[in-house]
Amino acid sequence: KDEYELAFTKIQKWHKAFPKIDVILGNHDRRVIRLAESVNIPARFIRNYKDIWKTPKWNWIDNIIYDEIYFVHGDGRTSGMYPAFNLVRKMGMSCVCGHFHWCGGYKWLVNPLRRMFGLDVGALIDDKAMAFAYGKQAIARSILGAAVIIDGTPIHIPLPCGRGEKYH
């Protein structure tokens, strides 16, 4: 099966579990559009994500604010060792970022008006997969993880990916 077929099957499982959600677009999601633009194909000829993935009630977006927390994939918005925390300092609000494979966890910033966090969720990528061949020379491995926010408090959930662990 090709990559699209595999992804489509997985997305349909997520769609069944979560029929109506907001989906933050990442740099890999936008690859098709970048490629089309590079050869002067007008955007009106590109199908939208809802049609491609058959997710009619999913809202495919670049970023969103929920409960005064800014959610973004991260590419092009921030960088550094603690990208989400760096974004907190720019935005003046709590921020959640994906994209940065080498970062996972959260840091707090408190001022006289509010308490804010920067949460880097990590990635769910197989460092050894062909799709990640561009990163094979990286010294740091990806931090595999996910996160939830409960009552305004971030919880980072790292997967066991150290030497000898399940996802190493």
N, C-alpha and C. Protein backbone atom coordinates (compact mmCIF):
# COMPACT_ATOMS: atom_id res chain seq x y z
N LYS A 1 0.84 -1.20 0.00
CA LYS A 1 0.00 0.00 0.00
C LYS A 1 0.88 1.24 0.00
N ASP A 2 0.37 2.29 -0.61
CA ASP A 2 1.14 3.53 -0.60
C ASP A 2 0.84 4.32 0.69
N GLU A 3 1.62 5.36 0.90
CA GLU A 3 1.51 6.15 2.12
C GLU A 3 0.12 6.74 2.32
N TYR A 4 -0.50 7.21 1.23
CA TYR A 4 -1.85 7.78 1.34
C TYR A 4 -2.84 6.74 1.84
N GLU A 5 -2.81 5.54 1.27
CA GLU A 5 -3.76 4.49 1.68
C GLU A 5 -3.60 4.15 3.16
N LEU A 6 -2.36 4.04 3.61
CA LEU A 6 -2.12 3.75 5.03
C LEU A 6 -2.63 4.88 5.91
N ALA A 7 -2.33 6.11 5.52
CA ALA A 7 -2.79 7.27 6.30
C ALA A 7 -4.31 7.36 6.29
N PHE A 8 -4.92 7.13 5.14
CA PHE A 8 -6.38 7.21 5.02
C PHE A 8 -7.05 6.22 5.98
N THR A 9 -6.54 5.01 6.03
CA THR A 9 -7.10 3.99 6.93
C THR A 9 -7.02 4.45 8.39
N LYS A 10 -5.88 4.99 8.79
CA LYS A 10 -5.71 5.47 10.16
C LYS A 10 -6.63 6.67 10.45
N ILE A 11 -6.69 7.59 9.50
CA ILE A 11 -7.52 8.78 9.70
C ILE A 11 -8.99 8.40 9.82
N GLN A 12 -9.43 7.42 9.08
CA GLN A 12 -10.83 6.99 9.19
C GLN A 12 -11.14 6.42 10.57
N LYS A 13 -10.18 5.76 11.19
CA LYS A 13 -10.37 5.27 12.57
C LYS A 13 -10.50 6.45 13.53
N TRP A 14 -9.64 7.46 13.35
CA TRP A 14 -9.74 8.65 14.18
C TRP A 14 -11.05 9.38 13.93
N HIS A 15 -11.46 9.43 12.66
CA HIS A 15 -12.71 10.11 12.30
C HIS A 15 -13.91 9.44 12.96
N LYS A 16 -13.88 8.14 13.02
CA LYS A 16 -14.99 7.41 13.66
C LYS A 16 -15.04 7.75 15.16
N ALA A 17 -13.87 7.83 15.79
CA ALA A 17 -13.82 8.13 17.22
C ALA A 17 -14.12 9.60 17.51
N PHE A 18 -13.71 10.49 16.60
CA PHE A 18 -13.87 11.93 16.77
C PHE A 18 -14.48 12.52 15.50
N PRO A 19 -15.80 12.42 15.33
CA PRO A 19 -16.42 12.85 14.07
C PRO A 19 -16.39 14.35 13.81
N LYS A 20 -16.24 15.16 14.87
CA LYS A 20 -16.22 16.62 14.68
C LYS A 20 -15.12 17.20 15.56
N ILE A 21 -14.02 17.62 14.92
CA ILE A 21 -12.90 18.19 15.66
C ILE A 21 -12.20 19.26 14.82
N ASP A 22 -11.32 20.00 15.47
CA ASP A 22 -10.42 20.92 14.78
C ASP A 22 -9.08 20.21 14.63
N VAL A 23 -8.52 20.25 13.43
CA VAL A 23 -7.24 19.60 13.14
C VAL A 23 -6.24 20.67 12.75
N ILE A 24 -5.14 20.73 13.48
CA ILE A 24 -4.08 21.69 13.16
C ILE A 24 -3.22 21.12 12.04
N LEU A 25 -3.11 21.88 10.96
CA LEU A 25 -2.30 21.45 9.82
C LEU A 25 -0.81 21.54 10.15
N GLY A 26 -0.07 20.55 9.68
CA GLY A 26 1.37 20.55 9.86
C GLY A 26 2.10 20.73 8.55
N ASN A 27 3.41 20.82 8.63
CA ASN A 27 4.20 21.05 7.43
C ASN A 27 4.06 19.91 6.42
N HIS A 28 3.89 18.69 6.87
CA HIS A 28 3.72 17.57 5.93
C HIS A 28 2.33 17.61 5.27
N ASP A 29 1.33 18.10 5.99
CA ASP A 29 0.00 18.25 5.40
C ASP A 29 0.03 19.24 4.23
N ARG A 30 0.85 20.27 4.37
CA ARG A 30 0.90 21.33 3.36
C ARG A 30 1.86 21.04 2.21
N ARG A 31 2.49 19.88 2.21
CA ARG A 31 3.47 19.55 1.15
C ARG A 31 2.86 19.58 -0.24
N VAL A 32 1.67 19.04 -0.40
CA VAL A 32 1.03 18.99 -1.71
C VAL A 32 0.79 20.40 -2.25
N ILE A 33 0.31 21.29 -1.38
CA ILE A 33 0.06 22.66 -1.80
C ILE A 33 1.36 23.36 -2.18
N ARG A 34 2.41 23.17 -1.37
CA ARG A 34 3.70 23.79 -1.71
C ARG A 34 4.22 23.28 -3.05
N LEU A 35 4.07 21.99 -3.29
CA LEU A 35 4.53 21.42 -4.56
C LEU A 35 3.73 22.00 -5.73
N ALA A 36 2.41 22.08 -5.57
CA ALA A 36 1.56 22.64 -6.63
C ALA A 36 1.95 24.10 -6.91
N GLU A 37 2.14 24.88 -5.86
CA GLU A 37 2.53 26.28 -6.04
C GLU A 37 3.88 26.40 -6.74
N SER A 38 4.79 25.46 -6.46
CA SER A 38 6.13 25.54 -7.06
C SER A 38 6.11 25.35 -8.57
N VAL A 39 5.04 24.76 -9.09
CA VAL A 39 4.91 24.57 -10.55
C VAL A 39 3.71 25.37 -11.09
N ASN A 40 3.33 26.41 -10.33
CA ASN A 40 2.30 27.37 -10.75
C ASN A 40 0.91 26.77 -10.98
N ILE A 41 0.54 25.77 -10.21
CA ILE A 41 -0.82 25.24 -10.26
C ILE A 41 -1.66 26.09 -9.29
N PRO A 42 -2.70 26.76 -9.78
CA PRO A 42 -3.52 27.61 -8.91
C PRO A 42 -4.20 26.82 -7.79
N ALA A 43 -4.33 27.45 -6.63
CA ALA A 43 -4.92 26.81 -5.45
C ALA A 43 -6.32 26.27 -5.72
N ARG A 44 -7.08 26.90 -6.60
CA ARG A 44 -8.46 26.45 -6.85
C ARG A 44 -8.51 25.04 -7.46
N PHE A 45 -7.40 24.54 -7.97
CA PHE A 45 -7.36 23.20 -8.53
C PHE A 45 -6.99 22.13 -7.50
N ILE A 46 -6.70 22.54 -6.29
CA ILE A 46 -6.31 21.61 -5.24
C ILE A 46 -7.54 21.28 -4.39
N ARG A 47 -7.76 20.00 -4.15
CA ARG A 47 -8.89 19.59 -3.30
C ARG A 47 -8.62 19.96 -1.85
N ASN A 48 -9.69 20.19 -1.10
CA ASN A 48 -9.51 20.53 0.30
C ASN A 48 -9.33 19.25 1.14
N TYR A 49 -8.84 19.44 2.36
CA TYR A 49 -8.52 18.31 3.23
C TYR A 49 -9.76 17.49 3.59
N LYS A 50 -10.90 18.15 3.78
CA LYS A 50 -12.13 17.42 4.10
C LYS A 50 -12.46 16.41 3.01
N ASP A 51 -12.28 16.81 1.75
CA ASP A 51 -12.57 15.91 0.63
C ASP A 51 -11.52 14.81 0.50
N ILE A 52 -10.26 15.19 0.60
CA ILE A 52 -9.17 14.22 0.44
C ILE A 52 -9.28 13.10 1.47
N TRP A 53 -9.54 13.47 2.73
CA TRP A 53 -9.55 12.49 3.82
C TRP A 53 -10.95 12.03 4.21
N LYS A 54 -11.97 12.53 3.51
CA LYS A 54 -13.37 12.15 3.79
C LYS A 54 -13.70 12.37 5.28
N THR A 55 -13.48 13.61 5.70
CA THR A 55 -13.74 14.02 7.08
C THR A 55 -14.60 15.29 7.05
N PRO A 56 -15.88 15.15 6.69
CA PRO A 56 -16.73 16.32 6.43
C PRO A 56 -16.90 17.29 7.60
N LYS A 57 -16.82 16.81 8.83
CA LYS A 57 -17.03 17.70 9.97
C LYS A 57 -15.73 18.09 10.67
N TRP A 58 -14.61 17.71 10.08
CA TRP A 58 -13.34 18.15 10.64
C TRP A 58 -13.01 19.53 10.09
N ASN A 59 -12.51 20.38 10.96
CA ASN A 59 -12.12 21.74 10.59
C ASN A 59 -10.59 21.77 10.52
N TRP A 60 -10.04 21.80 9.31
CA TRP A 60 -8.59 21.79 9.09
C TRP A 60 -8.09 23.23 9.12
N ILE A 61 -7.26 23.56 10.12
CA ILE A 61 -6.86 24.95 10.35
C ILE A 61 -5.36 25.05 10.66
N ASP A 62 -4.83 26.26 10.57
CA ASP A 62 -3.42 26.49 10.88
C ASP A 62 -3.17 26.65 12.38
N ASN A 63 -4.10 27.25 13.09
CA ASN A 63 -3.95 27.45 14.53
C ASN A 63 -5.32 27.77 15.10
N ILE A 64 -5.41 27.71 16.42
CA ILE A 64 -6.68 28.03 17.08
C ILE A 64 -6.40 28.38 18.54
N ILE A 65 -7.29 29.15 19.12
CA ILE A 65 -7.22 29.47 20.54
C ILE A 65 -8.44 28.87 21.22
N TYR A 66 -8.18 28.02 22.21
CA TYR A 66 -9.22 27.46 23.08
C TYR A 66 -8.89 27.89 24.50
N ASP A 67 -9.86 28.38 25.22
CA ASP A 67 -9.67 28.71 26.64
C ASP A 67 -8.37 29.48 26.89
N GLU A 68 -8.11 30.47 26.04
CA GLU A 68 -6.92 31.32 26.14
C GLU A 68 -5.61 30.54 26.01
N ILE A 69 -5.64 29.41 25.30
CA ILE A 69 -4.43 28.63 24.99
C ILE A 69 -4.31 28.58 23.47
N TYR A 70 -3.14 28.96 22.97
CA TYR A 70 -2.87 29.00 21.54
C TYR A 70 -2.29 27.65 21.10
N PHE A 71 -2.95 27.01 20.14
CA PHE A 71 -2.52 25.73 19.60
C PHE A 71 -2.02 25.93 18.17
N VAL A 72 -0.83 25.43 17.87
CA VAL A 72 -0.25 25.59 16.54
C VAL A 72 0.70 24.42 16.29
N HIS A 73 0.86 24.06 15.02
CA HIS A 73 1.82 23.00 14.71
C HIS A 73 3.22 23.45 15.12
N GLY A 74 3.58 24.68 14.77
CA GLY A 74 4.85 25.23 15.23
C GLY A 74 5.80 25.64 14.14
N ASP A 75 5.78 24.98 13.01
CA ASP A 75 6.74 25.31 11.95
C ASP A 75 6.57 26.75 11.50
N GLY A 76 7.69 27.47 11.45
CA GLY A 76 7.66 28.85 11.00
C GLY A 76 7.23 29.86 12.05
N ARG A 77 6.81 29.42 13.22
CA ARG A 77 6.31 30.33 14.25
C ARG A 77 7.30 30.54 15.38
N THR A 78 8.14 29.53 15.63
CA THR A 78 9.03 29.58 16.78
C THR A 78 10.17 28.59 16.55
N SER A 79 11.13 28.60 17.46
CA SER A 79 12.25 27.67 17.34
C SER A 79 12.98 27.61 18.67
N GLY A 80 14.14 26.99 18.68
CA GLY A 80 14.97 26.94 19.88
C GLY A 80 14.79 25.66 20.66
N MET A 81 15.44 25.61 21.82
CA MET A 81 15.40 24.42 22.67
C MET A 81 14.02 24.20 23.29
N TYR A 82 13.30 25.28 23.57
CA TYR A 82 11.97 25.21 24.16
C TYR A 82 11.02 26.02 23.28
N PRO A 83 10.65 25.51 22.12
CA PRO A 83 9.86 26.30 21.16
C PRO A 83 8.54 26.83 21.70
N ALA A 84 7.78 26.00 22.39
CA ALA A 84 6.48 26.46 22.89
C ALA A 84 6.66 27.55 23.95
N PHE A 85 7.65 27.38 24.82
CA PHE A 85 7.93 28.39 25.84
C PHE A 85 8.37 29.70 25.18
N ASN A 86 9.19 29.60 24.14
CA ASN A 86 9.60 30.81 23.41
C ASN A 86 8.38 31.51 22.80
N LEU A 87 7.41 30.72 22.35
CA LEU A 87 6.19 31.28 21.79
C LEU A 87 5.33 31.94 22.87
N VAL A 88 5.32 31.37 24.07
CA VAL A 88 4.61 31.98 25.21
C VAL A 88 5.13 33.40 25.43
N ARG A 89 6.44 33.56 25.39
CA ARG A 89 7.04 34.87 25.62
C ARG A 89 6.67 35.86 24.52
N LYS A 90 6.47 35.38 23.30
CA LYS A 90 6.04 36.26 22.20
C LYS A 90 4.55 36.58 22.27
N MET A 91 3.74 35.58 22.61
CA MET A 91 2.28 35.71 22.54
C MET A 91 1.65 36.24 23.83
N GLY A 92 2.31 36.03 24.97
CA GLY A 92 1.72 36.44 26.24
C GLY A 92 0.55 35.58 26.65
N MET A 93 0.56 34.32 26.21
CA MET A 93 -0.50 33.37 26.58
C MET A 93 0.08 31.97 26.51
N SER A 94 -0.59 31.01 27.12
CA SER A 94 -0.15 29.62 27.04
C SER A 94 -0.18 29.15 25.60
N CYS A 95 0.80 28.30 25.24
CA CYS A 95 0.93 27.82 23.86
C CYS A 95 1.25 26.33 23.84
N VAL A 96 0.71 25.66 22.83
CA VAL A 96 0.98 24.24 22.61
C VAL A 96 1.52 24.09 21.19
N CYS A 97 2.65 23.41 21.06
CA CYS A 97 3.29 23.21 19.75
C CYS A 97 3.56 21.74 19.49
N GLY A 98 3.45 21.39 18.24
CA GLY A 98 3.94 20.11 17.75
C GLY A 98 5.19 20.40 16.94
N HIS A 99 5.44 19.63 15.91
CA HIS A 99 6.48 19.85 14.90
C HIS A 99 7.90 19.56 15.38
N PHE A 100 8.26 19.99 16.56
CA PHE A 100 9.65 19.90 17.00
C PHE A 100 9.92 18.52 17.60
N HIS A 101 10.58 17.68 16.85
CA HIS A 101 10.79 16.28 17.22
C HIS A 101 11.64 16.15 18.48
N TRP A 102 12.54 17.08 18.71
CA TRP A 102 13.49 16.97 19.81
C TRP A 102 12.95 17.52 21.13
N CYS A 103 11.73 18.03 21.15
CA CYS A 103 11.20 18.67 22.35
C CYS A 103 9.96 17.96 22.87
N GLY A 104 9.91 17.80 24.16
CA GLY A 104 8.72 17.25 24.79
C GLY A 104 8.66 17.71 26.23
N GLY A 105 7.51 18.15 26.67
CA GLY A 105 7.35 18.61 28.04
C GLY A 105 6.85 20.04 28.07
N TYR A 106 6.88 20.63 29.26
CA TYR A 106 6.35 21.98 29.40
C TYR A 106 7.18 22.78 30.39
N LYS A 107 7.10 24.09 30.25
CA LYS A 107 7.74 25.05 31.14
C LYS A 107 6.69 26.11 31.47
N TRP A 108 6.81 26.65 32.67
CA TRP A 108 5.87 27.67 33.13
C TRP A 108 6.49 29.06 33.08
N LEU A 109 5.64 30.05 32.90
CA LEU A 109 6.00 31.46 33.03
C LEU A 109 4.86 32.11 33.81
N VAL A 110 5.21 32.79 34.89
CA VAL A 110 4.19 33.44 35.72
C VAL A 110 4.55 34.92 35.83
N ASN A 111 3.56 35.77 35.63
CA ASN A 111 3.76 37.21 35.83
C ASN A 111 2.67 37.70 36.78
N PRO A 112 2.62 38.97 37.12
CA PRO A 112 1.61 39.44 38.07
C PRO A 112 0.16 39.23 37.61
N LEU A 113 -0.05 39.03 36.31
CA LEU A 113 -1.41 38.88 35.81
C LEU A 113 -1.85 37.44 35.58
N ARG A 114 -0.93 36.59 35.23
CA ARG A 114 -1.36 35.23 34.86
C ARG A 114 -0.23 34.22 34.94
N ARG A 115 -0.66 32.97 34.90
CA ARG A 115 0.24 31.82 34.85
C ARG A 115 0.09 31.22 33.45
N MET A 116 1.21 30.99 32.77
CA MET A 116 1.17 30.49 31.39
C MET A 116 2.14 29.33 31.24
N PHE A 117 1.85 28.45 30.30
CA PHE A 117 2.77 27.34 30.03
C PHE A 117 3.05 27.25 28.55
N GLY A 118 4.21 26.72 28.26
CA GLY A 118 4.58 26.35 26.89
C GLY A 118 4.71 24.85 26.86
N LEU A 119 3.89 24.20 26.05
CA LEU A 119 3.85 22.73 25.99
C LEU A 119 4.29 22.25 24.61
N ASP A 120 5.39 21.51 24.57
CA ASP A 120 5.84 20.85 23.35
C ASP A 120 5.42 19.39 23.46
N VAL A 121 4.59 18.95 22.52
CA VAL A 121 4.04 17.60 22.64
C VAL A 121 4.99 16.51 22.18
N GLY A 122 6.05 16.88 21.46
CA GLY A 122 6.92 15.86 20.89
C GLY A 122 6.36 15.42 19.55
N ALA A 123 6.69 14.23 19.15
CA ALA A 123 6.27 13.73 17.84
C ALA A 123 5.90 12.26 17.97
N LEU A 124 5.20 11.77 17.00
CA LEU A 124 4.91 10.33 16.93
C LEU A 124 5.46 9.84 15.60
N ILE A 125 6.77 9.88 15.48
CA ILE A 125 7.44 9.53 14.24
C ILE A 125 8.40 8.37 14.50
N ASP A 126 8.56 7.55 13.50
CA ASP A 126 9.54 6.47 13.56
C ASP A 126 10.84 7.02 12.96
N ASP A 127 11.82 7.28 13.82
CA ASP A 127 13.08 7.85 13.35
C ASP A 127 13.76 7.00 12.28
N LYS A 128 13.43 5.72 12.24
CA LYS A 128 14.08 4.82 11.29
C LYS A 128 13.31 4.67 9.98
N ALA A 129 12.13 5.29 9.89
CA ALA A 129 11.30 5.16 8.69
C ALA A 129 11.88 5.99 7.54
N MET A 130 11.59 5.56 6.32
CA MET A 130 12.08 6.25 5.14
C MET A 130 11.59 7.71 5.09
N ALA A 131 10.38 7.95 5.58
CA ALA A 131 9.82 9.30 5.55
C ALA A 131 10.66 10.28 6.39
N PHE A 132 11.44 9.75 7.32
CA PHE A 132 12.27 10.60 8.18
C PHE A 132 13.74 10.49 7.82
N ALA A 133 14.04 10.01 6.64
CA ALA A 133 15.44 9.84 6.21
C ALA A 133 16.21 11.15 6.28
N TYR A 134 15.52 12.27 6.08
CA TYR A 134 16.20 13.57 6.14
C TYR A 134 16.78 13.85 7.51
N GLY A 135 16.31 13.17 8.56
CA GLY A 135 16.79 13.41 9.91
C GLY A 135 17.74 12.36 10.44
N LYS A 136 18.21 11.48 9.56
CA LYS A 136 19.02 10.35 10.06
C LYS A 136 20.36 10.78 10.64
N GLN A 137 20.85 11.96 10.30
CA GLN A 137 22.12 12.43 10.84
C GLN A 137 21.95 13.17 12.18
N ALA A 138 20.72 13.36 12.61
CA ALA A 138 20.48 14.09 13.86
C ALA A 138 21.05 13.33 15.05
N ILE A 139 21.68 14.06 15.94
CA ILE A 139 22.25 13.44 17.14
C ILE A 139 21.13 13.09 18.12
N ALA A 140 20.22 14.04 18.34
CA ALA A 140 19.11 13.81 19.27
C ALA A 140 18.01 13.02 18.57
N ARG A 141 17.47 12.05 19.26
CA ARG A 141 16.35 11.28 18.72
C ARG A 141 15.05 12.01 19.03
N SER A 142 14.02 11.63 18.31
CA SER A 142 12.71 12.24 18.53
C SER A 142 12.17 11.85 19.90
N ILE A 143 11.50 12.80 20.53
CA ILE A 143 10.79 12.52 21.77
C ILE A 143 9.38 12.13 21.37
N LEU A 144 9.06 10.87 21.58
CA LEU A 144 7.73 10.38 21.24
C LEU A 144 6.80 10.71 22.38
N GLY A 145 5.68 11.35 22.06
CA GLY A 145 4.79 11.71 23.13
C GLY A 145 3.48 12.30 22.65
N ALA A 146 2.63 12.52 23.61
CA ALA A 146 1.33 13.15 23.39
C ALA A 146 1.08 14.01 24.63
N ALA A 147 -0.02 14.75 24.61
CA ALA A 147 -0.32 15.61 25.75
C ALA A 147 -1.81 15.83 25.87
N VAL A 148 -2.23 16.15 27.06
CA VAL A 148 -3.60 16.58 27.32
C VAL A 148 -3.53 17.79 28.24
N ILE A 149 -4.59 18.56 28.24
CA ILE A 149 -4.70 19.70 29.15
C ILE A 149 -6.00 19.51 29.91
N ILE A 150 -5.89 19.43 31.22
CA ILE A 150 -7.06 19.23 32.06
C ILE A 150 -7.18 20.42 33.01
N ASP A 151 -8.30 21.12 32.91
CA ASP A 151 -8.54 22.31 33.74
C ASP A 151 -7.37 23.29 33.69
N GLY A 152 -6.84 23.51 32.49
CA GLY A 152 -5.76 24.48 32.31
C GLY A 152 -4.38 24.00 32.71
N THR A 153 -4.26 22.74 33.06
CA THR A 153 -2.96 22.19 33.46
C THR A 153 -2.47 21.20 32.41
N PRO A 154 -1.26 21.42 31.86
CA PRO A 154 -0.75 20.50 30.85
C PRO A 154 -0.23 19.21 31.47
N ILE A 155 -0.44 18.13 30.76
CA ILE A 155 0.11 16.83 31.14
C ILE A 155 0.79 16.27 29.90
N HIS A 156 2.10 16.10 29.98
CA HIS A 156 2.86 15.54 28.86
C HIS A 156 3.03 14.04 29.11
N ILE A 157 2.78 13.25 28.08
CA ILE A 157 2.83 11.80 28.20
C ILE A 157 3.91 11.26 27.26
N PRO A 158 5.13 11.06 27.78
CA PRO A 158 6.18 10.52 26.93
C PRO A 158 6.03 9.01 26.76
N LEU A 159 6.33 8.54 25.56
CA LEU A 159 6.34 7.10 25.32
C LEU A 159 7.72 6.56 25.66
N PRO A 160 7.81 5.30 26.05
CA PRO A 160 9.11 4.72 26.39
C PRO A 160 9.98 4.56 25.14
N CYS A 161 10.91 5.51 24.94
CA CYS A 161 11.72 5.47 23.72
C CYS A 161 13.22 5.53 24.00
N GLY A 162 13.59 5.28 25.24
CA GLY A 162 15.01 5.23 25.58
C GLY A 162 15.60 3.87 25.22
N ARG A 163 16.90 3.76 25.34
CA ARG A 163 17.59 2.51 25.02
C ARG A 163 16.96 1.34 25.78
N GLY A 164 16.63 0.29 25.06
CA GLY A 164 16.04 -0.90 25.66
C GLY A 164 14.54 -0.81 25.89
N GLU A 165 13.94 0.34 25.61
CA GLU A 165 12.51 0.49 25.81
C GLU A 165 11.75 0.19 24.52
N LYS A 166 10.45 0.04 24.65
CA LYS A 166 9.61 -0.45 23.56
C LYS A 166 9.77 0.29 22.24
N TYR A 167 9.84 1.62 22.27
CA TYR A 167 9.86 2.39 21.02
C TYR A 167 11.23 2.93 20.66
N HIS A 168 12.31 2.32 21.20
CA HIS A 168 13.66 2.79 20.88
C HIS A 168 14.02 2.41 19.45
